[in-house]
Amino acid sequence: MRWPMITALLLTACSNEANHLGNPLLLPLSGISTVIGNAAYEKRRGQVERIVKSNYDTIRKDISAGGGPALTKAMDAAGIPLSERPARIIQLQSDMGIYNASPGALVTALMVYGS
């Protein structure tokens, strides 16, 4: 009597309805993909952070000027699409007060804008 109930519960958990957990039978796979995705993100963020911190003053000047090689290098590392860069530079310019005070905030903004 237990096995039919357990089977029924497992099968009802596999519905196509939206939920915050997804299919419970796929949780181990989604956990693995999350770990891999996080590792890739952290690697990319580390690259962006090194570029920003080693070229911080130059990147701030590039932002103020509307672009430049150091900013382009940081945007490349962050994965910001070329088509979005003009709008992102305008956004960076409007928040320069934040980025003048914190290179970490600039790294975060670039990562948010990146793909």
N, C-alpha and C. Protein backbone atom coordinates (compact mmCIF):
# COMPACT_ATOMS: atom_id res chain seq x y z
N MET A 1 0.82 -1.20 0.00
CA MET A 1 0.00 0.00 0.00
C MET A 1 0.86 1.26 0.00
N ARG A 2 2.05 1.18 0.60
CA ARG A 2 2.92 2.36 0.65
C ARG A 2 3.47 2.74 -0.72
N TRP A 3 3.91 1.76 -1.47
CA TRP A 3 4.57 2.06 -2.75
C TRP A 3 3.65 2.77 -3.74
N PRO A 4 2.39 2.42 -3.85
CA PRO A 4 1.52 3.18 -4.76
C PRO A 4 1.37 4.64 -4.32
N MET A 5 1.32 4.86 -3.01
CA MET A 5 1.20 6.24 -2.52
C MET A 5 2.47 7.03 -2.80
N ILE A 6 3.62 6.42 -2.57
CA ILE A 6 4.90 7.08 -2.84
C ILE A 6 5.04 7.38 -4.33
N THR A 7 4.67 6.41 -5.16
CA THR A 7 4.73 6.60 -6.61
C THR A 7 3.80 7.73 -7.04
N ALA A 8 2.61 7.76 -6.49
CA ALA A 8 1.66 8.81 -6.83
C ALA A 8 2.20 10.19 -6.42
N LEU A 9 2.79 10.27 -5.25
CA LEU A 9 3.37 11.54 -4.79
C LEU A 9 4.50 11.99 -5.70
N LEU A 10 5.38 11.07 -6.09
CA LEU A 10 6.48 11.42 -6.98
C LEU A 10 5.98 11.87 -8.34
N LEU A 11 4.97 11.19 -8.86
CA LEU A 11 4.45 11.56 -10.17
C LEU A 11 3.72 12.90 -10.14
N THR A 12 3.03 13.21 -9.06
CA THR A 12 2.36 14.51 -9.00
C THR A 12 3.37 15.63 -8.83
N ALA A 13 4.53 15.32 -8.32
CA ALA A 13 5.58 16.33 -8.18
C ALA A 13 6.20 16.68 -9.52
N CYS A 14 5.93 15.89 -10.54
CA CYS A 14 6.51 16.08 -11.87
C CYS A 14 5.54 16.80 -12.81
N SER A 15 4.76 17.70 -12.29
CA SER A 15 3.80 18.40 -13.15
C SER A 15 4.49 19.46 -13.99
N ASN A 16 3.77 19.95 -14.97
CA ASN A 16 4.28 21.03 -15.83
C ASN A 16 3.96 22.41 -15.28
N GLU A 17 3.31 22.46 -14.14
CA GLU A 17 2.96 23.73 -13.52
C GLU A 17 4.21 24.43 -13.00
N ALA A 18 4.18 25.75 -13.05
CA ALA A 18 5.31 26.53 -12.54
C ALA A 18 5.38 26.42 -11.02
N ASN A 19 6.58 26.26 -10.52
CA ASN A 19 6.79 26.29 -9.08
C ASN A 19 8.22 26.74 -8.82
N HIS A 20 8.52 27.07 -7.61
CA HIS A 20 9.83 27.63 -7.30
C HIS A 20 10.93 26.57 -7.22
N LEU A 21 10.59 25.31 -7.13
CA LEU A 21 11.60 24.27 -7.01
C LEU A 21 11.91 23.58 -8.33
N GLY A 22 10.97 23.58 -9.24
CA GLY A 22 11.16 22.81 -10.46
C GLY A 22 10.85 21.35 -10.19
N ASN A 23 11.21 20.51 -11.12
CA ASN A 23 10.97 19.08 -11.00
C ASN A 23 11.91 18.51 -9.94
N PRO A 24 11.37 17.92 -8.88
CA PRO A 24 12.23 17.41 -7.81
C PRO A 24 13.16 16.29 -8.26
N LEU A 25 12.79 15.58 -9.31
CA LEU A 25 13.65 14.51 -9.80
C LEU A 25 14.89 15.06 -10.50
N LEU A 26 14.83 16.33 -10.90
CA LEU A 26 15.96 16.96 -11.58
C LEU A 26 16.81 17.82 -10.65
N LEU A 27 16.48 17.86 -9.37
CA LEU A 27 17.23 18.70 -8.43
C LEU A 27 18.73 18.40 -8.40
N PRO A 28 19.15 17.13 -8.43
CA PRO A 28 20.61 16.89 -8.45
C PRO A 28 21.29 17.49 -9.68
N LEU A 29 20.63 17.40 -10.83
CA LEU A 29 21.20 17.97 -12.05
C LEU A 29 21.22 19.49 -12.00
N SER A 30 20.15 20.10 -11.49
CA SER A 30 20.13 21.55 -11.41
C SER A 30 21.15 22.05 -10.39
N GLY A 31 21.41 21.27 -9.36
CA GLY A 31 22.45 21.63 -8.38
C GLY A 31 23.83 21.63 -9.02
N ILE A 32 24.09 20.63 -9.83
CA ILE A 32 25.38 20.56 -10.52
C ILE A 32 25.53 21.71 -11.49
N SER A 33 24.47 22.02 -12.25
CA SER A 33 24.56 23.12 -13.21
C SER A 33 24.72 24.46 -12.49
N THR A 34 24.13 24.60 -11.32
CA THR A 34 24.29 25.82 -10.53
C THR A 34 25.73 25.99 -10.09
N VAL A 35 26.35 24.91 -9.64
CA VAL A 35 27.75 24.97 -9.22
C VAL A 35 28.64 25.36 -10.39
N ILE A 36 28.41 24.76 -11.54
CA ILE A 36 29.21 25.08 -12.73
C ILE A 36 28.99 26.53 -13.15
N GLY A 37 27.72 26.98 -13.15
CA GLY A 37 27.41 28.36 -13.51
C GLY A 37 28.04 29.35 -12.55
N ASN A 38 28.00 29.05 -11.27
CA ASN A 38 28.61 29.94 -10.28
C ASN A 38 30.12 30.02 -10.46
N ALA A 39 30.75 28.91 -10.77
CA ALA A 39 32.20 28.90 -10.98
C ALA A 39 32.57 29.75 -12.19
N ALA A 40 31.80 29.66 -13.26
CA ALA A 40 32.07 30.46 -14.45
C ALA A 40 31.87 31.94 -14.16
N TYR A 41 30.82 32.28 -13.41
CA TYR A 41 30.57 33.67 -13.05
C TYR A 41 31.70 34.22 -12.19
N GLU A 42 32.12 33.46 -11.20
CA GLU A 42 33.20 33.91 -10.32
C GLU A 42 34.50 34.11 -11.08
N LYS A 43 34.78 33.27 -12.05
CA LYS A 43 35.98 33.42 -12.86
C LYS A 43 35.91 34.72 -13.67
N ARG A 44 34.75 34.95 -14.30
CA ARG A 44 34.57 36.18 -15.10
C ARG A 44 34.64 37.41 -14.20
N ARG A 45 34.01 37.34 -13.04
CA ARG A 45 34.04 38.48 -12.12
C ARG A 45 35.47 38.77 -11.66
N GLY A 46 36.24 37.73 -11.41
CA GLY A 46 37.64 37.91 -11.02
C GLY A 46 38.43 38.62 -12.10
N GLN A 47 38.18 38.27 -13.35
CA GLN A 47 38.87 38.94 -14.46
C GLN A 47 38.49 40.41 -14.52
N VAL A 48 37.20 40.70 -14.40
CA VAL A 48 36.73 42.09 -14.43
C VAL A 48 37.32 42.86 -13.26
N GLU A 49 37.34 42.26 -12.09
CA GLU A 49 37.87 42.93 -10.90
C GLU A 49 39.36 43.26 -11.06
N ARG A 50 40.13 42.33 -11.61
CA ARG A 50 41.56 42.60 -11.84
C ARG A 50 41.75 43.75 -12.83
N ILE A 51 40.97 43.76 -13.89
CA ILE A 51 41.09 44.83 -14.89
C ILE A 51 40.71 46.17 -14.27
N VAL A 52 39.59 46.20 -13.56
CA VAL A 52 39.13 47.47 -12.97
C VAL A 52 40.12 47.98 -11.94
N LYS A 53 40.57 47.12 -11.04
CA LYS A 53 41.46 47.57 -9.98
C LYS A 53 42.84 47.96 -10.48
N SER A 54 43.31 47.33 -11.54
CA SER A 54 44.63 47.69 -12.07
C SER A 54 44.58 48.89 -13.01
N ASN A 55 43.40 49.26 -13.48
CA ASN A 55 43.25 50.41 -14.40
C ASN A 55 42.18 51.38 -13.90
N TYR A 56 41.99 51.45 -12.60
CA TYR A 56 40.86 52.16 -12.02
C TYR A 56 40.78 53.62 -12.46
N ASP A 57 41.87 54.37 -12.33
CA ASP A 57 41.84 55.79 -12.72
C ASP A 57 41.60 55.96 -14.21
N THR A 58 42.23 55.11 -15.01
CA THR A 58 42.06 55.20 -16.46
C THR A 58 40.63 54.86 -16.87
N ILE A 59 40.04 53.86 -16.24
CA ILE A 59 38.66 53.49 -16.57
C ILE A 59 37.70 54.61 -16.19
N ARG A 60 37.92 55.24 -15.05
CA ARG A 60 37.06 56.37 -14.67
C ARG A 60 37.17 57.51 -15.68
N LYS A 61 38.39 57.76 -16.18
CA LYS A 61 38.57 58.79 -17.22
C LYS A 61 37.88 58.37 -18.51
N ASP A 62 37.98 57.08 -18.85
CA ASP A 62 37.32 56.57 -20.06
C ASP A 62 35.80 56.72 -19.96
N ILE A 63 35.25 56.46 -18.79
CA ILE A 63 33.80 56.62 -18.60
C ILE A 63 33.42 58.07 -18.81
N SER A 64 34.17 58.98 -18.21
CA SER A 64 33.87 60.41 -18.35
C SER A 64 34.00 60.86 -19.80
N ALA A 65 34.94 60.27 -20.53
CA ALA A 65 35.17 60.64 -21.93
C ALA A 65 34.19 59.95 -22.89
N GLY A 66 33.41 59.03 -22.39
CA GLY A 66 32.47 58.32 -23.26
C GLY A 66 33.03 57.06 -23.88
N GLY A 67 34.17 56.60 -23.39
CA GLY A 67 34.77 55.37 -23.89
C GLY A 67 36.28 55.45 -23.92
N GLY A 68 36.91 54.33 -24.11
CA GLY A 68 38.36 54.26 -24.17
C GLY A 68 38.81 52.82 -24.06
N PRO A 69 40.10 52.57 -24.31
CA PRO A 69 40.59 51.19 -24.35
C PRO A 69 40.48 50.44 -23.02
N ALA A 70 40.72 51.10 -21.91
CA ALA A 70 40.65 50.40 -20.62
C ALA A 70 39.20 50.02 -20.29
N LEU A 71 38.28 50.92 -20.57
CA LEU A 71 36.86 50.62 -20.34
C LEU A 71 36.40 49.52 -21.30
N THR A 72 36.85 49.56 -22.53
CA THR A 72 36.50 48.52 -23.50
C THR A 72 36.98 47.16 -23.03
N LYS A 73 38.19 47.10 -22.49
CA LYS A 73 38.74 45.85 -21.98
C LYS A 73 37.89 45.32 -20.83
N ALA A 74 37.48 46.20 -19.92
CA ALA A 74 36.64 45.79 -18.79
C ALA A 74 35.27 45.32 -19.28
N MET A 75 34.71 46.02 -20.25
CA MET A 75 33.40 45.63 -20.79
C MET A 75 33.49 44.31 -21.55
N ASP A 76 34.59 44.09 -22.25
CA ASP A 76 34.80 42.81 -22.93
C ASP A 76 34.82 41.67 -21.91
N ALA A 77 35.57 41.85 -20.84
CA ALA A 77 35.68 40.82 -19.81
C ALA A 77 34.34 40.56 -19.13
N ALA A 78 33.55 41.61 -18.96
CA ALA A 78 32.24 41.47 -18.31
C ALA A 78 31.21 40.86 -19.26
N GLY A 79 31.49 40.84 -20.55
CA GLY A 79 30.55 40.27 -21.51
C GLY A 79 29.42 41.20 -21.88
N ILE A 80 29.69 42.50 -21.85
CA ILE A 80 28.66 43.48 -22.23
C ILE A 80 28.59 43.52 -23.76
N PRO A 81 27.42 43.25 -24.33
CA PRO A 81 27.29 43.26 -25.79
C PRO A 81 27.64 44.63 -26.39
N LEU A 82 28.26 44.62 -27.55
CA LEU A 82 28.67 45.87 -28.21
C LEU A 82 27.49 46.80 -28.44
N SER A 83 26.34 46.24 -28.79
CA SER A 83 25.17 47.07 -29.08
C SER A 83 24.65 47.81 -27.84
N GLU A 84 24.95 47.31 -26.66
CA GLU A 84 24.46 47.93 -25.42
C GLU A 84 25.45 48.91 -24.80
N ARG A 85 26.67 48.92 -25.28
CA ARG A 85 27.72 49.71 -24.62
C ARG A 85 27.46 51.20 -24.58
N PRO A 86 26.98 51.84 -25.65
CA PRO A 86 26.72 53.29 -25.53
C PRO A 86 25.74 53.63 -24.41
N ALA A 87 24.67 52.86 -24.29
CA ALA A 87 23.69 53.11 -23.22
C ALA A 87 24.30 52.84 -21.85
N ARG A 88 25.11 51.80 -21.76
CA ARG A 88 25.74 51.47 -20.47
C ARG A 88 26.75 52.52 -20.05
N ILE A 89 27.46 53.10 -21.01
CA ILE A 89 28.41 54.17 -20.68
C ILE A 89 27.66 55.37 -20.13
N ILE A 90 26.52 55.69 -20.72
CA ILE A 90 25.69 56.80 -20.20
C ILE A 90 25.25 56.50 -18.78
N GLN A 91 24.86 55.26 -18.52
CA GLN A 91 24.46 54.88 -17.16
C GLN A 91 25.63 54.99 -16.20
N LEU A 92 26.80 54.54 -16.64
CA LEU A 92 27.99 54.64 -15.78
C LEU A 92 28.32 56.11 -15.49
N GLN A 93 28.19 56.96 -16.50
CA GLN A 93 28.47 58.39 -16.31
C GLN A 93 27.51 59.00 -15.29
N SER A 94 26.26 58.57 -15.32
CA SER A 94 25.29 59.16 -14.40
C SER A 94 25.52 58.73 -12.95
N ASP A 95 26.26 57.64 -12.76
CA ASP A 95 26.53 57.15 -11.40
C ASP A 95 28.00 57.30 -11.01
N MET A 96 28.71 58.21 -11.65
CA MET A 96 30.15 58.36 -11.40
C MET A 96 30.48 58.62 -9.94
N GLY A 97 29.62 59.30 -9.22
CA GLY A 97 29.87 59.56 -7.80
C GLY A 97 30.06 58.27 -7.01
N ILE A 98 29.27 57.27 -7.36
CA ILE A 98 29.38 55.97 -6.68
C ILE A 98 30.70 55.31 -7.05
N TYR A 99 31.04 55.35 -8.35
CA TYR A 99 32.24 54.64 -8.81
C TYR A 99 33.53 55.35 -8.41
N ASN A 100 33.46 56.66 -8.20
CA ASN A 100 34.63 57.39 -7.71
C ASN A 100 34.97 56.95 -6.29
N ALA A 101 33.96 56.53 -5.55
CA ALA A 101 34.17 56.13 -4.16
C ALA A 101 34.48 54.64 -4.00
N SER A 102 34.13 53.83 -5.02
CA SER A 102 34.24 52.38 -4.82
C SER A 102 34.50 51.64 -6.13
N PRO A 103 35.71 51.08 -6.28
CA PRO A 103 35.94 50.25 -7.46
C PRO A 103 35.07 48.99 -7.47
N GLY A 104 34.71 48.50 -6.29
CA GLY A 104 33.84 47.33 -6.20
C GLY A 104 32.47 47.59 -6.79
N ALA A 105 31.96 48.81 -6.59
CA ALA A 105 30.67 49.16 -7.17
C ALA A 105 30.75 49.18 -8.70
N LEU A 106 31.86 49.62 -9.23
CA LEU A 106 32.05 49.62 -10.68
C LEU A 106 32.11 48.19 -11.21
N VAL A 107 32.81 47.33 -10.52
CA VAL A 107 32.88 45.92 -10.91
C VAL A 107 31.47 45.32 -10.92
N THR A 108 30.71 45.59 -9.88
CA THR A 108 29.35 45.05 -9.78
C THR A 108 28.48 45.56 -10.92
N ALA A 109 28.57 46.85 -11.22
CA ALA A 109 27.77 47.40 -12.32
C ALA A 109 28.14 46.75 -13.65
N LEU A 110 29.41 46.58 -13.90
CA LEU A 110 29.83 45.95 -15.16
C LEU A 110 29.32 44.52 -15.24
N MET A 111 29.36 43.80 -14.14
CA MET A 111 28.88 42.41 -14.13
C MET A 111 27.37 42.35 -14.33
N VAL A 112 26.64 43.29 -13.77
CA VAL A 112 25.19 43.33 -13.96
C VAL A 112 24.87 43.61 -15.42
N TYR A 113 25.61 44.50 -16.05
CA TYR A 113 25.36 44.84 -17.45
C TYR A 113 25.81 43.73 -18.39
N GLY A 114 26.73 42.90 -17.95
CA GLY A 114 27.24 41.82 -18.79
C GLY A 114 26.25 40.70 -18.98
N SER A 115 26.54 39.86 -19.93
CA SER A 115 25.63 38.75 -20.22
C SER A 115 26.13 37.46 -19.60
